[in-house]
């Protein structure tokens, strides 16, 4: 299936917006993702598990708790 330049640009813009949103909740550092609030980390080899925040972390109830899956979904069109 071929996409027009406008469709491709719109898809890239959508991906950029989703990445920016993802980046507000997570930090990617080499092969690990870090919560910017409690600083807990999850390695890529643990992608099949929910992210474990420190007790009392405000981010534990916000958004996606499978950050590797979420990142893969955002980048799926590459």
Protein backbone atom coordinates (compact mmCIF):
# COMPACT_ATOMS: atom_id res chain seq x y z
CA UNK A 1 0.00 0.00 0.00
CA UNK A 2 1.38 3.38 -1.00
CA UNK A 3 0.88 6.49 1.08
CA UNK A 4 0.89 10.05 -0.18
CA UNK A 5 3.46 12.51 1.14
CA UNK A 6 0.72 14.21 3.17
CA UNK A 7 -0.30 10.91 4.76
CA UNK A 8 3.32 10.09 5.55
CA UNK A 9 3.87 13.54 7.10
CA UNK A 10 0.71 13.21 9.16
CA UNK A 11 1.85 9.79 10.39
CA UNK A 12 5.26 11.14 11.34
CA UNK A 13 3.69 14.10 13.12
CA UNK A 14 1.40 11.77 15.07
CA UNK A 15 4.38 9.59 16.01
CA UNK A 16 6.34 12.66 17.16
CA UNK A 17 3.42 13.77 19.36
CA UNK A 18 3.07 10.28 20.85
CA UNK A 19 6.83 10.13 21.53
CA UNK A 20 6.71 13.52 23.26
CA UNK A 21 3.85 12.30 25.46
CA UNK A 22 5.70 9.05 26.23
CA UNK A 23 8.80 11.07 27.11
CA UNK A 24 6.88 13.00 29.76
CA UNK A 25 6.35 9.78 31.71
CA UNK A 26 9.53 7.84 30.91
CA UNK A 27 13.27 8.24 30.30
CA UNK A 28 15.07 5.88 27.93
CA UNK A 29 18.67 5.24 28.99
CA UNK A 30 20.60 2.64 26.99
CA UNK A 31 18.75 -0.66 27.60
CA UNK A 32 16.56 0.57 30.45
CA UNK A 33 13.57 2.81 30.99
CA UNK A 34 13.50 5.02 34.08
CA UNK A 35 10.60 6.69 35.85
CA UNK A 36 11.55 10.37 36.18
CA UNK A 37 9.64 10.65 39.45
CA UNK A 38 10.82 7.70 41.59
CA UNK A 39 13.85 6.80 39.43
CA UNK A 40 12.99 3.08 39.34
CA UNK A 41 14.26 1.30 36.24
CA UNK A 42 13.16 -1.54 34.01
CA UNK A 43 15.50 -3.30 31.59
CA UNK A 44 14.47 -4.29 28.08
CA UNK A 45 14.63 -7.95 29.10
CA UNK A 46 11.71 -7.23 31.48
CA UNK A 47 9.47 -5.73 28.81
CA UNK A 48 6.80 -8.37 29.40
CA UNK A 49 6.29 -7.19 33.01
CA UNK A 50 4.46 -4.18 34.37
CA UNK A 51 6.80 -1.41 35.50
CA UNK A 52 7.41 -1.46 39.26
CA UNK A 53 7.54 2.01 40.76
CA UNK A 54 8.78 2.77 44.26
CA UNK A 55 5.98 2.72 46.85
CA UNK A 56 4.16 6.04 46.90
CA UNK A 57 5.31 7.14 43.44
CA UNK A 58 2.65 9.39 41.96
CA UNK A 59 3.37 8.04 38.47
CA UNK A 60 2.36 4.51 39.46
CA UNK A 61 -1.28 5.37 38.79
CA UNK A 62 -0.66 7.40 35.64
CA UNK A 63 -0.81 6.11 32.11
CA UNK A 64 0.91 3.12 30.62
CA UNK A 65 2.64 0.66 32.94
CA UNK A 66 4.23 -1.39 30.14
CA UNK A 67 6.57 1.30 28.80
CA UNK A 68 8.50 -0.96 26.41
CA UNK A 69 5.30 -2.13 24.75
CA UNK A 70 4.06 1.42 24.55
CA UNK A 71 7.31 2.59 22.91
CA UNK A 72 7.20 -0.30 20.43
CA UNK A 73 3.60 0.60 19.51
CA UNK A 74 4.53 4.24 18.91
CA UNK A 75 7.45 3.22 16.67
CA UNK A 76 5.53 0.50 14.81
CA UNK A 77 5.39 2.41 11.52
CA UNK A 78 9.16 2.72 11.16
